[in-house]
Amino acid sequence: MASRGARLLAWAEHRLPSLTRLRPREPLPIVLHRRRIYILPTGFGLGLSMLLVVMLVGALNYSNNAALGLTCLLGAAAVGSMLVAFRTLNGLVIGGLRSDTARAGEQVRVSLDVSAPRYARTAIRLDAEAREQVFGVQPGAPSTIEFHLDAAHRGWLDLPRMRLHSRWPMGLFRVWSWLHPDGKVLVYPRVEAFGPPPLVPDGDADRGRPRAGDELASLRDYRPGDPRRQIAWKLSARHDGLLVKDLEQPAPQEDWRLDWDAIHGLDDETRISRLARWVDEAHEGGRRWSLRLPDGYFDIAQGDEHYHRCMTALALRP
């Protein structure tokens, strides 16, 4: 029985890739056309069809031209709604893909751009991981659809299979097409909740002393030779003599040297979580840091680019 089911799925994937959710990955942009759009009547549409058959039999049996005309009118409207439903998806272009950064255990926000080349579309639904988004598209103005994916593990997260469908305009027919974009989202590692700080080497003997800079440290009496721009004129007006602003710059912080081999007694995932926490703390505190891993080294630097390089290396650790 299991082998028969496997053969049936393989046949469906080979013969009906657009009809089933087994469609293989495909690069963006994706253009929907008549060979990959399918349409079937809804329960309401089947009920209306049965009603029209009864009305047609009754009208012919009693030779009632008015009833026959009404039946034909309703039937024509139903057939016309099928064409409108098909045109709702026909020609749609699924283009740009963007995503935010997220950590393992969180949800990552993904954005897709959908455009319509000729005319407006409405009441389109996108199903992705049991979540549904309803949107419309105006010609020449791409619509951005946002949805969230569960990021359970660090590393690359593949986009799931998605379904575009609609029951516009009368709910008589359901039209749909399966999408499987060839895109990935990078998920950063989970950060350790709490733990020890990294080991920092002793600094210079003069670290922490006031130095010339831009921040106000104190006020003192004027001495010959002091720059005029450092005189506190407003405060001096309240005193008998001139007051001068002493300026300093904050003492530089120690550079952090984060090393994989310096963490002992922990498994690999816990090491990654601890290093991720240290990288976060260094980045938020404005420190400079380096990161040494078994398969790479990132020299001392700071800033967003350095942060993303380090977090990417931690996320993709085997």
C-alpha atoms as a PDB file:
ATOM      1  CA  MET A   1       0.000   0.000   0.000  1.00  0.00           C
ATOM      2  CA  ALA A   2       2.821   2.376   0.866  1.00  0.00           C
ATOM      3  CA  SER A   3       4.617   1.701  -2.411  1.00  0.00           C
ATOM      4  CA  ARG A   4       1.369   2.255  -4.330  1.00  0.00           C
ATOM      5  CA  GLY A   5       0.908   5.618  -2.595  1.00  0.00           C
ATOM      6  CA  ALA A   6       4.487   6.607  -3.390  1.00  0.00           C
ATOM      7  CA  ARG A   7       3.976   5.699  -7.048  1.00  0.00           C
ATOM      8  CA  LEU A   8       0.779   7.750  -7.117  1.00  0.00           C
ATOM      9  CA  LEU A   9       2.563  10.799  -5.658  1.00  0.00           C
ATOM     10  CA  ALA A  10       5.433  10.408  -8.127  1.00  0.00           C
ATOM     11  CA  TRP A  11       2.950  10.210 -11.018  1.00  0.00           C
ATOM     12  CA  ALA A  12       1.114  13.306  -9.761  1.00  0.00           C
ATOM     13  CA  GLU A  13       4.358  15.248  -9.407  1.00  0.00           C
ATOM     14  CA  HIS A  14       5.433  14.283 -12.915  1.00  0.00           C
ATOM     15  CA  ARG A  15       2.106  14.728 -14.690  1.00  0.00           C
ATOM     16  CA  LEU A  16       0.402  17.465 -12.688  1.00  0.00           C
ATOM     17  CA  PRO A  17       3.114  19.647 -11.113  1.00  0.00           C
ATOM     18  CA  SER A  18       1.021  22.809 -11.261  1.00  0.00           C
ATOM     19  CA  LEU A  19      -2.095  21.186  -9.866  1.00  0.00           C
ATOM     20  CA  THR A  20      -0.447  19.608  -6.828  1.00  0.00           C
ATOM     21  CA  ARG A  21       1.622  21.106  -4.037  1.00  0.00           C
ATOM     22  CA  LEU A  22       4.535  18.895  -5.143  1.00  0.00           C
ATOM     23  CA  ARG A  23       5.758  21.516  -7.594  1.00  0.00           C
ATOM     24  CA  PRO A  24       9.581  21.775  -7.547  1.00  0.00           C
ATOM     25  CA  ARG A  25      11.422  24.951  -6.660  1.00  0.00           C
ATOM     26  CA  GLU A  26      11.512  27.646  -9.313  1.00  0.00           C
ATOM     27  CA  PRO A  27      13.480  30.898  -9.553  1.00  0.00           C
ATOM     28  CA  LEU A  28      11.885  34.316  -9.280  1.00  0.00           C
ATOM     29  CA  PRO A  29      10.163  36.033 -10.999  1.00  0.00           C
ATOM     30  CA  ILE A  30       7.263  33.619 -11.440  1.00  0.00           C
ATOM     31  CA  VAL A  31       4.629  34.413 -14.080  1.00  0.00           C
ATOM     32  CA  LEU A  32       1.217  32.753 -13.782  1.00  0.00           C
ATOM     33  CA  HIS A  33      -0.273  31.618 -17.085  1.00  0.00           C
ATOM     34  CA  ARG A  34      -3.043  29.344 -18.319  1.00  0.00           C
ATOM     35  CA  ARG A  35      -0.938  26.162 -18.111  1.00  0.00           C
ATOM     36  CA  ARG A  36      -0.480  26.465 -14.352  1.00  0.00           C
ATOM     37  CA  ILE A  37      -3.826  27.907 -13.243  1.00  0.00           C
ATOM     38  CA  TYR A  38      -6.621  25.526 -12.312  1.00  0.00           C
ATOM     39  CA  ILE A  39     -10.291  26.150 -11.594  1.00  0.00           C
ATOM     40  CA  LEU A  40     -13.078  24.066 -10.076  1.00  0.00           C
ATOM     41  CA  PRO A  41     -16.595  24.899  -8.846  1.00  0.00           C
ATOM     42  CA  THR A  42     -17.119  25.543  -5.149  1.00  0.00           C
ATOM     43  CA  GLY A  43     -19.867  23.958  -3.072  1.00  0.00           C
ATOM     44  CA  PHE A  44     -22.010  27.007  -3.729  1.00  0.00           C
ATOM     45  CA  GLY A  45     -21.291  26.694  -7.462  1.00  0.00           C
ATOM     46  CA  LEU A  46     -22.328  23.033  -7.500  1.00  0.00           C
ATOM     47  CA  GLY A  47     -25.540  23.892  -5.672  1.00  0.00           C
ATOM     48  CA  LEU A  48     -26.332  26.634  -8.174  1.00  0.00           C
ATOM     49  CA  SER A  49     -25.653  24.206 -11.052  1.00  0.00           C
ATOM     50  CA  MET A  50     -28.146  21.700  -9.634  1.00  0.00           C
ATOM     51  CA  LEU A  51     -30.685  24.493  -9.188  1.00  0.00           C
ATOM     52  CA  LEU A  52     -30.229  25.608 -12.800  1.00  0.00           C
ATOM     53  CA  VAL A  53     -30.765  22.026 -14.019  1.00  0.00           C
ATOM     54  CA  VAL A  54     -34.020  21.800 -12.057  1.00  0.00           C
ATOM     55  CA  MET A  55     -35.107  25.200 -13.406  1.00  0.00           C
ATOM     56  CA  LEU A  56     -34.259  24.134 -16.962  1.00  0.00           C
ATOM     57  CA  VAL A  57     -36.251  20.875 -16.686  1.00  0.00           C
ATOM     58  CA  GLY A  58     -39.224  22.700 -15.198  1.00  0.00           C
ATOM     59  CA  ALA A  59     -39.140  25.461 -17.814  1.00  0.00           C
ATOM     60  CA  LEU A  60     -39.014  22.936 -20.676  1.00  0.00           C
ATOM     61  CA  ASN A  61     -41.698  20.741 -19.104  1.00  0.00           C
ATOM     62  CA  TYR A  62     -44.145  23.596 -18.715  1.00  0.00           C
ATOM     63  CA  SER A  63     -43.018  25.499 -21.838  1.00  0.00           C
ATOM     64  CA  ASN A  64     -42.409  28.600 -19.723  1.00  0.00           C
ATOM     65  CA  ASN A  65     -40.344  30.986 -21.809  1.00  0.00           C
ATOM     66  CA  ALA A  66     -39.791  33.421 -18.932  1.00  0.00           C
ATOM     67  CA  ALA A  67     -38.395  30.678 -16.692  1.00  0.00           C
ATOM     68  CA  LEU A  68     -36.254  29.411 -19.572  1.00  0.00           C
ATOM     69  CA  GLY A  69     -34.890  32.904 -20.187  1.00  0.00           C
ATOM     70  CA  LEU A  70     -34.076  33.357 -16.483  1.00  0.00           C
ATOM     71  CA  THR A  71     -32.296  30.003 -16.413  1.00  0.00           C
ATOM     72  CA  CYS A  72     -30.191  30.932 -19.446  1.00  0.00           C
ATOM     73  CA  LEU A  73     -29.386  34.342 -17.953  1.00  0.00           C
ATOM     74  CA  LEU A  74     -28.221  32.843 -14.660  1.00  0.00           C
ATOM     75  CA  GLY A  75     -26.208  30.206 -16.514  1.00  0.00           C
ATOM     76  CA  ALA A  76     -24.495  32.847 -18.629  1.00  0.00           C
ATOM     77  CA  ALA A  77     -23.640  34.835 -15.495  1.00  0.00           C
ATOM     78  CA  ALA A  78     -22.132  31.723 -13.915  1.00  0.00           C
ATOM     79  CA  VAL A  79     -19.999  30.992 -16.992  1.00  0.00           C
ATOM     80  CA  GLY A  80     -18.923  34.640 -17.113  1.00  0.00           C
ATOM     81  CA  SER A  81     -17.873  34.501 -13.444  1.00  0.00           C
ATOM     82  CA  MET A  82     -15.648  31.515 -14.270  1.00  0.00           C
ATOM     83  CA  LEU A  83     -13.810  33.602 -16.876  1.00  0.00           C
ATOM     84  CA  VAL A  84     -13.436  36.530 -14.459  1.00  0.00           C
ATOM     85  CA  ALA A  85     -12.072  34.182 -11.768  1.00  0.00           C
ATOM     86  CA  PHE A  86      -9.468  32.838 -14.186  1.00  0.00           C
ATOM     87  CA  ARG A  87      -8.420  36.336 -15.244  1.00  0.00           C
ATOM     88  CA  THR A  88      -7.895  37.264 -11.586  1.00  0.00           C
ATOM     89  CA  LEU A  89      -4.724  35.132 -11.460  1.00  0.00           C
ATOM     90  CA  ASN A  90      -3.755  35.021 -15.127  1.00  0.00           C
ATOM     91  CA  GLY A  91      -0.697  37.169 -15.829  1.00  0.00           C
ATOM     92  CA  LEU A  92       0.277  37.844 -12.207  1.00  0.00           C
ATOM     93  CA  VAL A  93       4.037  38.237 -11.685  1.00  0.00           C
ATOM     94  CA  ILE A  94       5.594  37.222  -8.366  1.00  0.00           C
ATOM     95  CA  GLY A  95       8.835  39.173  -8.243  1.00  0.00           C
ATOM     96  CA  GLY A  96      11.041  40.519  -5.464  1.00  0.00           C
ATOM     97  CA  LEU A  97      11.659  38.663  -2.222  1.00  0.00           C
ATOM     98  CA  ARG A  98      12.849  40.352   0.979  1.00  0.00           C
ATOM     99  CA  SER A  99      13.162  39.212   4.563  1.00  0.00           C
ATOM    100  CA  ASP A 100      14.112  40.582   7.969  1.00  0.00           C
ATOM    101  CA  THR A 101      16.730  39.061  10.194  1.00  0.00           C
ATOM    102  CA  ALA A 102      15.441  36.777  12.908  1.00  0.00           C
ATOM    103  CA  ARG A 103      16.781  34.425  15.522  1.00  0.00           C
ATOM    104  CA  ALA A 104      16.049  30.775  16.055  1.00  0.00           C
ATOM    105  CA  GLY A 105      12.802  30.392  17.971  1.00  0.00           C
ATOM    106  CA  GLU A 106      11.331  33.629  16.582  1.00  0.00           C
ATOM    107  CA  GLN A 107       9.252  34.465  13.541  1.00  0.00           C
ATOM    108  CA  VAL A 108      10.844  35.982  10.457  1.00  0.00           C
ATOM    109  CA  ARG A 109       8.922  38.428   8.294  1.00  0.00           C
ATOM    110  CA  VAL A 110       9.037  37.762   4.543  1.00  0.00           C
ATOM    111  CA  SER A 111       7.813  40.134   1.825  1.00  0.00           C
ATOM    112  CA  LEU A 112       6.821  39.240  -1.733  1.00  0.00           C
ATOM    113  CA  ASP A 113       6.114  41.697  -4.545  1.00  0.00           C
ATOM    114  CA  VAL A 114       3.147  40.805  -6.773  1.00  0.00           C
ATOM    115  CA  SER A 115       2.362  42.871  -9.880  1.00  0.00           C
ATOM    116  CA  ALA A 116      -0.331  42.839 -12.564  1.00  0.00           C
ATOM    117  CA  PRO A 117       0.615  43.971 -16.088  1.00  0.00           C
ATOM    118  CA  ARG A 118      -2.721  45.077 -17.551  1.00  0.00           C
ATOM    119  CA  TYR A 119      -5.734  45.458 -15.260  1.00  0.00           C
ATOM    120  CA  ALA A 120      -6.566  45.546 -11.557  1.00  0.00           C
ATOM    121  CA  ARG A 121      -7.053  42.371  -9.561  1.00  0.00           C
ATOM    122  CA  THR A 122      -8.920  42.028  -6.301  1.00  0.00           C
ATOM    123  CA  ALA A 123      -9.698  39.499  -3.552  1.00  0.00           C
ATOM    124  CA  ILE A 124      -6.550  37.423  -4.105  1.00  0.00           C
ATOM    125  CA  ARG A 125      -5.494  35.145  -1.253  1.00  0.00           C
ATOM    126  CA  LEU A 126      -2.029  33.843  -0.424  1.00  0.00           C
ATOM    127  CA  ASP A 127      -1.704  30.783   1.830  1.00  0.00           C
ATOM    128  CA  ALA A 128       1.698  30.208   3.434  1.00  0.00           C
ATOM    129  CA  GLU A 129       2.176  27.833   6.382  1.00  0.00           C
ATOM    130  CA  ALA A 130      -1.506  27.867   7.382  1.00  0.00           C
ATOM    131  CA  ARG A 131      -1.614  31.682   7.297  1.00  0.00           C
ATOM    132  CA  GLU A 132      -3.735  33.557   4.782  1.00  0.00           C
ATOM    133  CA  GLN A 133      -3.214  37.040   3.356  1.00  0.00           C
ATOM    134  CA  VAL A 134      -5.838  38.849   1.255  1.00  0.00           C
ATOM    135  CA  PHE A 135      -4.693  41.559  -1.148  1.00  0.00           C
ATOM    136  CA  GLY A 136      -5.376  43.329  -4.406  1.00  0.00           C
ATOM    137  CA  VAL A 137      -3.073  44.503  -7.193  1.00  0.00           C
ATOM    138  CA  GLN A 138      -3.278  47.627  -9.306  1.00  0.00           C
ATOM    139  CA  PRO A 139      -1.634  47.717 -12.764  1.00  0.00           C
ATOM    140  CA  GLY A 140       1.796  49.338 -12.703  1.00  0.00           C
ATOM    141  CA  ALA A 141       1.913  49.392  -8.882  1.00  0.00           C
ATOM    142  CA  PRO A 142       3.258  46.177  -7.320  1.00  0.00           C
ATOM    143  CA  SER A 143       1.665  45.093  -4.068  1.00  0.00           C
ATOM    144  CA  THR A 144       3.829  43.902  -1.188  1.00  0.00           C
ATOM    145  CA  ILE A 145       2.509  40.896   0.708  1.00  0.00           C
ATOM    146  CA  GLU A 146       4.017  40.211   4.118  1.00  0.00           C
ATOM    147  CA  PHE A 147       3.764  36.964   6.040  1.00  0.00           C
ATOM    148  CA  HIS A 148       5.654  35.346   8.910  1.00  0.00           C
ATOM    149  CA  LEU A 149       7.498  32.041   9.021  1.00  0.00           C
ATOM    150  CA  ASP A 150       8.471  30.095  12.108  1.00  0.00           C
ATOM    151  CA  ALA A 151      12.269  29.954  12.416  1.00  0.00           C
ATOM    152  CA  ALA A 152      12.898  26.922  14.601  1.00  0.00           C
ATOM    153  CA  HIS A 153      16.591  26.452  13.806  1.00  0.00           C
ATOM    154  CA  ARG A 154      19.553  28.635  12.865  1.00  0.00           C
ATOM    155  CA  GLY A 155      20.910  28.648   9.325  1.00  0.00           C
ATOM    156  CA  TRP A 156      19.119  28.837   6.005  1.00  0.00           C
ATOM    157  CA  LEU A 157      15.326  28.600   6.093  1.00  0.00           C
ATOM    158  CA  ASP A 158      13.739  27.501   2.807  1.00  0.00           C
ATOM    159  CA  LEU A 159      10.562  29.212   1.697  1.00  0.00           C
ATOM    160  CA  PRO A 160       7.547  26.900   1.929  1.00  0.00           C
ATOM    161  CA  ARG A 161       5.177  25.997  -0.878  1.00  0.00           C
ATOM    162  CA  MET A 162       2.524  28.680  -1.206  1.00  0.00           C
ATOM    163  CA  ARG A 163      -0.867  28.817  -2.867  1.00  0.00           C
ATOM    164  CA  LEU A 164      -2.440  31.772  -4.644  1.00  0.00           C
ATOM    165  CA  HIS A 165      -6.191  31.385  -4.967  1.00  0.00           C
ATOM    166  CA  SER A 166      -9.402  33.363  -5.340  1.00  0.00           C
ATOM    167  CA  ARG A 167     -13.179  32.922  -5.462  1.00  0.00           C
ATOM    168  CA  TRP A 168     -13.849  36.299  -7.017  1.00  0.00           C
ATOM    169  CA  PRO A 169     -16.342  37.513  -8.177  1.00  0.00           C
ATOM    170  CA  MET A 170     -19.366  35.432  -7.125  1.00  0.00           C
ATOM    171  CA  GLY A 171     -17.874  32.570  -5.135  1.00  0.00           C
ATOM    172  CA  LEU A 172     -19.015  30.009  -7.704  1.00  0.00           C
ATOM    173  CA  PHE A 173     -15.517  28.878  -8.734  1.00  0.00           C
ATOM    174  CA  ARG A 174     -12.212  28.482  -6.949  1.00  0.00           C
ATOM    175  CA  VAL A 175      -9.122  29.272  -9.008  1.00  0.00           C
ATOM    176  CA  TRP A 176      -5.644  28.489  -7.705  1.00  0.00           C
ATOM    177  CA  SER A 177      -1.987  28.002  -8.510  1.00  0.00           C
ATOM    178  CA  TRP A 178       0.861  26.560  -6.413  1.00  0.00           C
ATOM    179  CA  LEU A 179       4.122  28.477  -5.940  1.00  0.00           C
ATOM    180  CA  HIS A 180       7.445  27.204  -4.663  1.00  0.00           C
ATOM    181  CA  PRO A 181       9.955  30.092  -4.904  1.00  0.00           C
ATOM    182  CA  ASP A 182      13.618  29.181  -4.853  1.00  0.00           C
ATOM    183  CA  GLY A 183      14.509  31.502  -1.978  1.00  0.00           C
ATOM    184  CA  LYS A 184      16.074  31.209   1.443  1.00  0.00           C
ATOM    185  CA  VAL A 185      16.047  33.273   4.630  1.00  0.00           C
ATOM    186  CA  LEU A 186      19.016  33.426   6.994  1.00  0.00           C
ATOM    187  CA  VAL A 187      18.179  32.765  10.646  1.00  0.00           C
ATOM    188  CA  TYR A 188      20.675  33.910  13.279  1.00  0.00           C
ATOM    189  CA  PRO A 189      21.469  31.612  16.222  1.00  0.00           C
ATOM    190  CA  ARG A 190      19.554  31.763  19.465  1.00  0.00           C
ATOM    191  CA  VAL A 191      21.247  34.049  21.999  1.00  0.00           C
ATOM    192  CA  GLU A 192      22.194  32.748  25.440  1.00  0.00           C
ATOM    193  CA  ALA A 193      19.845  34.203  28.062  1.00  0.00           C
ATOM    194  CA  PHE A 194      22.588  34.983  30.583  1.00  0.00           C
ATOM    195  CA  GLY A 195      26.154  33.998  31.272  1.00  0.00           C
ATOM    196  CA  PRO A 196      29.644  35.274  32.063  1.00  0.00           C
ATOM    197  CA  PRO A 197      31.288  38.106  30.116  1.00  0.00           C
ATOM    198  CA  PRO A 198      34.268  37.332  27.893  1.00  0.00           C
ATOM    199  CA  LEU A 199      37.767  37.424  29.314  1.00  0.00           C
ATOM    200  CA  VAL A 200      39.315  40.846  28.625  1.00  0.00           C
ATOM    201  CA  PRO A 201      43.083  41.490  28.825  1.00  0.00           C
ATOM    202  CA  ASP A 202      44.312  44.215  31.175  1.00  0.00           C
ATOM    203  CA  GLY A 203      44.318  47.649  29.579  1.00  0.00           C
ATOM    204  CA  ASP A 204      46.972  50.341  29.557  1.00  0.00           C
ATOM    205  CA  ALA A 205      47.884  52.067  32.775  1.00  0.00           C
ATOM    206  CA  ASP A 206      46.480  55.390  31.616  1.00  0.00           C
ATOM    207  CA  ARG A 207      43.176  53.946  30.327  1.00  0.00           C
ATOM    208  CA  GLY A 208      40.273  55.827  31.850  1.00  0.00           C
ATOM    209  CA  ARG A 209      42.077  59.146  32.433  1.00  0.00           C
ATOM    210  CA  PRO A 210      40.499  62.313  31.030  1.00  0.00           C
ATOM    211  CA  ARG A 211      41.723  63.236  27.579  1.00  0.00           C
ATOM    212  CA  ALA A 212      41.097  66.157  25.293  1.00  0.00           C
ATOM    213  CA  GLY A 213      37.819  65.723  23.543  1.00  0.00           C
ATOM    214  CA  ASP A 214      34.306  67.108  23.112  1.00  0.00           C
ATOM    215  CA  GLU A 215      32.472  66.218  26.336  1.00  0.00           C
ATOM    216  CA  LEU A 216      32.282  68.607  29.288  1.00  0.00           C
ATOM    217  CA  ALA A 217      34.250  67.347  32.306  1.00  0.00           C
ATOM    218  CA  SER A 218      34.363  70.398  34.646  1.00  0.00           C
ATOM    219  CA  LEU A 219      34.695  74.170  34.913  1.00  0.00           C
ATOM    220  CA  ARG A 220      37.840  75.962  36.126  1.00  0.00           C
ATOM    221  CA  ASP A 221      39.248  79.466  36.354  1.00  0.00           C
ATOM    222  CA  TYR A 222      40.678  81.022  33.232  1.00  0.00           C
ATOM    223  CA  ARG A 223      44.444  80.720  32.707  1.00  0.00           C
ATOM    224  CA  PRO A 224      46.419  82.770  30.196  1.00  0.00           C
ATOM    225  CA  GLY A 225      46.667  80.895  26.936  1.00  0.00           C
ATOM    226  CA  ASP A 226      43.326  79.073  27.172  1.00  0.00           C
ATOM    227  CA  PRO A 227      41.425  79.032  23.842  1.00  0.00           C
ATOM    228  CA  ARG A 228      38.628  81.577  23.644  1.00  0.00           C
ATOM    229  CA  ARG A 229      36.165  78.982  22.315  1.00  0.00           C
ATOM    230  CA  GLN A 230      36.398  77.066  25.618  1.00  0.00           C
ATOM    231  CA  ILE A 231      35.340  80.046  27.748  1.00  0.00           C
ATOM    232  CA  ALA A 232      31.894  79.576  29.292  1.00  0.00           C
ATOM    233  CA  TRP A 233      30.641  83.123  28.647  1.00  0.00           C
ATOM    234  CA  LYS A 234      27.156  82.729  30.087  1.00  0.00           C
ATOM    235  CA  LEU A 235      28.369  81.167  33.323  1.00  0.00           C
ATOM    236  CA  SER A 236      31.250  83.618  33.587  1.00  0.00           C
ATOM    237  CA  ALA A 237      28.737  86.510  33.567  1.00  0.00           C
ATOM    238  CA  ARG A 238      27.479  85.298  36.946  1.00  0.00           C
ATOM    239  CA  HIS A 239      30.949  85.209  38.520  1.00  0.00           C
ATOM    240  CA  ASP A 240      33.745  87.646  39.152  1.00  0.00           C
ATOM    241  CA  GLY A 241      36.175  85.959  36.739  1.00  0.00           C
ATOM    242  CA  LEU A 242      36.174  83.938  33.557  1.00  0.00           C
ATOM    243  CA  LEU A 243      35.366  80.237  33.665  1.00  0.00           C
ATOM    244  CA  VAL A 244      36.790  77.773  31.174  1.00  0.00           C
ATOM    245  CA  LYS A 245      35.275  74.432  30.151  1.00  0.00           C
ATOM    246  CA  ASP A 246      37.518  71.427  30.602  1.00  0.00           C
ATOM    247  CA  LEU A 247      36.736  68.966  27.806  1.00  0.00           C
ATOM    248  CA  GLU A 248      37.543  65.286  27.658  1.00  0.00           C
ATOM    249  CA  GLN A 249      36.668  62.248  25.620  1.00  0.00           C
ATOM    250  CA  PRO A 250      35.374  59.042  27.153  1.00  0.00           C
ATOM    251  CA  ALA A 251      37.995  56.442  27.893  1.00  0.00           C
ATOM    252  CA  PRO A 252      38.086  53.877  25.098  1.00  0.00           C
ATOM    253  CA  GLN A 253      36.604  50.499  25.882  1.00  0.00           C
ATOM    254  CA  GLU A 254      38.610  47.322  25.828  1.00  0.00           C
ATOM    255  CA  ASP A 255      38.547  45.322  22.597  1.00  0.00           C
ATOM    256  CA  TRP A 256      36.893  41.941  22.960  1.00  0.00           C
ATOM    257  CA  ARG A 257      38.660  38.944  21.476  1.00  0.00           C
ATOM    258  CA  LEU A 258      36.034  36.236  21.179  1.00  0.00           C
ATOM    259  CA  ASP A 259      37.504  32.780  20.681  1.00  0.00           C
ATOM    260  CA  TRP A 260      35.705  29.479  20.119  1.00  0.00           C
ATOM    261  CA  ASP A 261      38.523  27.495  21.747  1.00  0.00           C
ATOM    262  CA  ALA A 262      38.463  29.669  24.876  1.00  0.00           C
ATOM    263  CA  ILE A 263      35.036  28.290  25.852  1.00  0.00           C
ATOM    264  CA  HIS A 264      35.393  24.948  27.604  1.00  0.00           C
ATOM    265  CA  GLY A 265      32.962  22.373  28.889  1.00  0.00           C
ATOM    266  CA  LEU A 266      30.064  23.316  26.581  1.00  0.00           C
ATOM    267  CA  ASP A 267      28.558  21.651  23.539  1.00  0.00           C
ATOM    268  CA  ASP A 268      28.719  23.309  20.128  1.00  0.00           C
ATOM    269  CA  GLU A 269      25.222  24.825  20.189  1.00  0.00           C
ATOM    270  CA  THR A 270      25.777  26.364  23.623  1.00  0.00           C
ATOM    271  CA  ARG A 271      29.097  27.786  22.444  1.00  0.00           C
ATOM    272  CA  ILE A 272      27.381  29.348  19.447  1.00  0.00           C
ATOM    273  CA  SER A 273      24.667  30.857  21.680  1.00  0.00           C
ATOM    274  CA  ARG A 274      27.271  32.319  24.034  1.00  0.00           C
ATOM    275  CA  LEU A 275      29.367  33.789  21.237  1.00  0.00           C
ATOM    276  CA  ALA A 276      26.207  35.254  19.692  1.00  0.00           C
ATOM    277  CA  ARG A 277      25.373  36.936  23.010  1.00  0.00           C
ATOM    278  CA  TRP A 278      28.882  38.377  23.267  1.00  0.00           C
ATOM    279  CA  VAL A 279      28.710  39.684  19.686  1.00  0.00           C
ATOM    280  CA  ASP A 280      25.359  41.294  20.493  1.00  0.00           C
ATOM    281  CA  GLU A 281      26.695  42.941  23.643  1.00  0.00           C
ATOM    282  CA  ALA A 282      29.802  44.224  21.870  1.00  0.00           C
ATOM    283  CA  HIS A 283      27.772  45.642  19.005  1.00  0.00           C
ATOM    284  CA  GLU A 284      25.212  47.325  21.262  1.00  0.00           C
ATOM    285  CA  GLY A 285      27.930  48.686  23.573  1.00  0.00           C
ATOM    286  CA  GLY A 286      29.938  50.233  20.757  1.00  0.00           C
ATOM    287  CA  ARG A 287      32.937  48.000  21.368  1.00  0.00           C
ATOM    288  CA  ARG A 288      35.414  46.622  18.869  1.00  0.00           C
ATOM    289  CA  TRP A 289      35.706  42.847  18.760  1.00  0.00           C
ATOM    290  CA  SER A 290      37.219  39.967  16.891  1.00  0.00           C
ATOM    291  CA  LEU A 291      35.828  36.468  16.451  1.00  0.00           C
ATOM    292  CA  ARG A 292      37.830  33.302  16.007  1.00  0.00           C
ATOM    293  CA  LEU A 293      36.068  30.121  14.880  1.00  0.00           C
ATOM    294  CA  PRO A 294      37.525  26.725  13.961  1.00  0.00           C
ATOM    295  CA  ASP A 295      37.049  27.510  10.270  1.00  0.00           C
ATOM    296  CA  GLY A 296      37.526  31.262  10.148  1.00  0.00           C
ATOM    297  CA  TYR A 297      38.741  34.462  11.789  1.00  0.00           C
ATOM    298  CA  PHE A 298      37.213  37.958  11.771  1.00  0.00           C
ATOM    299  CA  ASP A 299      39.713  40.630  12.731  1.00  0.00           C
ATOM    300  CA  ILE A 300      39.004  43.402  15.226  1.00  0.00           C
ATOM    301  CA  ALA A 301      36.379  45.814  13.900  1.00  0.00           C
ATOM    302  CA  GLN A 302      32.962  47.209  14.747  1.00  0.00           C
ATOM    303  CA  GLY A 303      29.785  48.316  13.006  1.00  0.00           C
ATOM    304  CA  ASP A 304      26.797  46.699  11.327  1.00  0.00           C
ATOM    305  CA  GLU A 305      28.738  45.033   8.513  1.00  0.00           C
ATOM    306  CA  HIS A 306      31.163  43.363  10.926  1.00  0.00           C
ATOM    307  CA  TYR A 307      28.233  42.313  13.112  1.00  0.00           C
ATOM    308  CA  HIS A 308      26.373  40.648  10.225  1.00  0.00           C
ATOM    309  CA  ARG A 309      29.510  38.845   9.042  1.00  0.00           C
ATOM    310  CA  CYS A 310      30.085  37.378  12.490  1.00  0.00           C
ATOM    311  CA  MET A 311      26.438  36.418  13.045  1.00  0.00           C
ATOM    312  CA  THR A 312      26.250  34.831   9.598  1.00  0.00           C
ATOM    313  CA  ALA A 313      29.319  32.729  10.326  1.00  0.00           C
ATOM    314  CA  LEU A 314      27.786  31.589  13.626  1.00  0.00           C
ATOM    315  CA  ALA A 315      24.448  30.831  11.969  1.00  0.00           C
ATOM    316  CA  LEU A 316      26.055  28.654   9.286  1.00  0.00           C
ATOM    317  CA  ARG A 317      28.308  26.672  11.620  1.00  0.00           C
ATOM    318  CA  PRO A 318      27.824  22.941  10.889  1.00  0.00           C
END
